[in-house]
Amino acid sequence: MNEREVHDFVEKSIPEFYSHPVGDHAGRDITSLMQSLYLFTNKHIVADDYRTVKKALQLVENLYRRGDQEIRTAIDTVFIFLYTRFLQEEKEKKDMLLNITPVSVYRLYINQVINNAVNQ
């Protein structure tokens, strides 16, 4: 999947992402999309809507698995980088989030933490 195909895939996976937009993904570039997906996910964490949060995290997993290098890089550098903010939530929310995070998404986060620690 490439950047041109990603918006259709997102819309089919989570229709409410476009019907109730958060952020600026109008530019349709992959970086803006990942920022908007982070904001969308965060909005639903705040609202304790973990069903939608789980869908968003599964979407990230699917995009990473099916996406080309440009999509994977955007997920690593934008969404996973911002994912650390989710884990700064109060303990109950953090625990719930960790329980619904796909293993592959959590591994991306761990790899980024390790790489940042090594590079400092």
Foldseek 3Di string as FASTA:
>chain_A
DELVCLVVVVCVLPVVCVVVWDFDCVVSGLLRVLQRLLVVLVVCLVVVVVVVNLSSLVSLVVCCVPPDPRNVVSCLVHNLVCVVVQCVDPPVSNVSNVVSHDPVSVVSNVVSVVVVVVVD
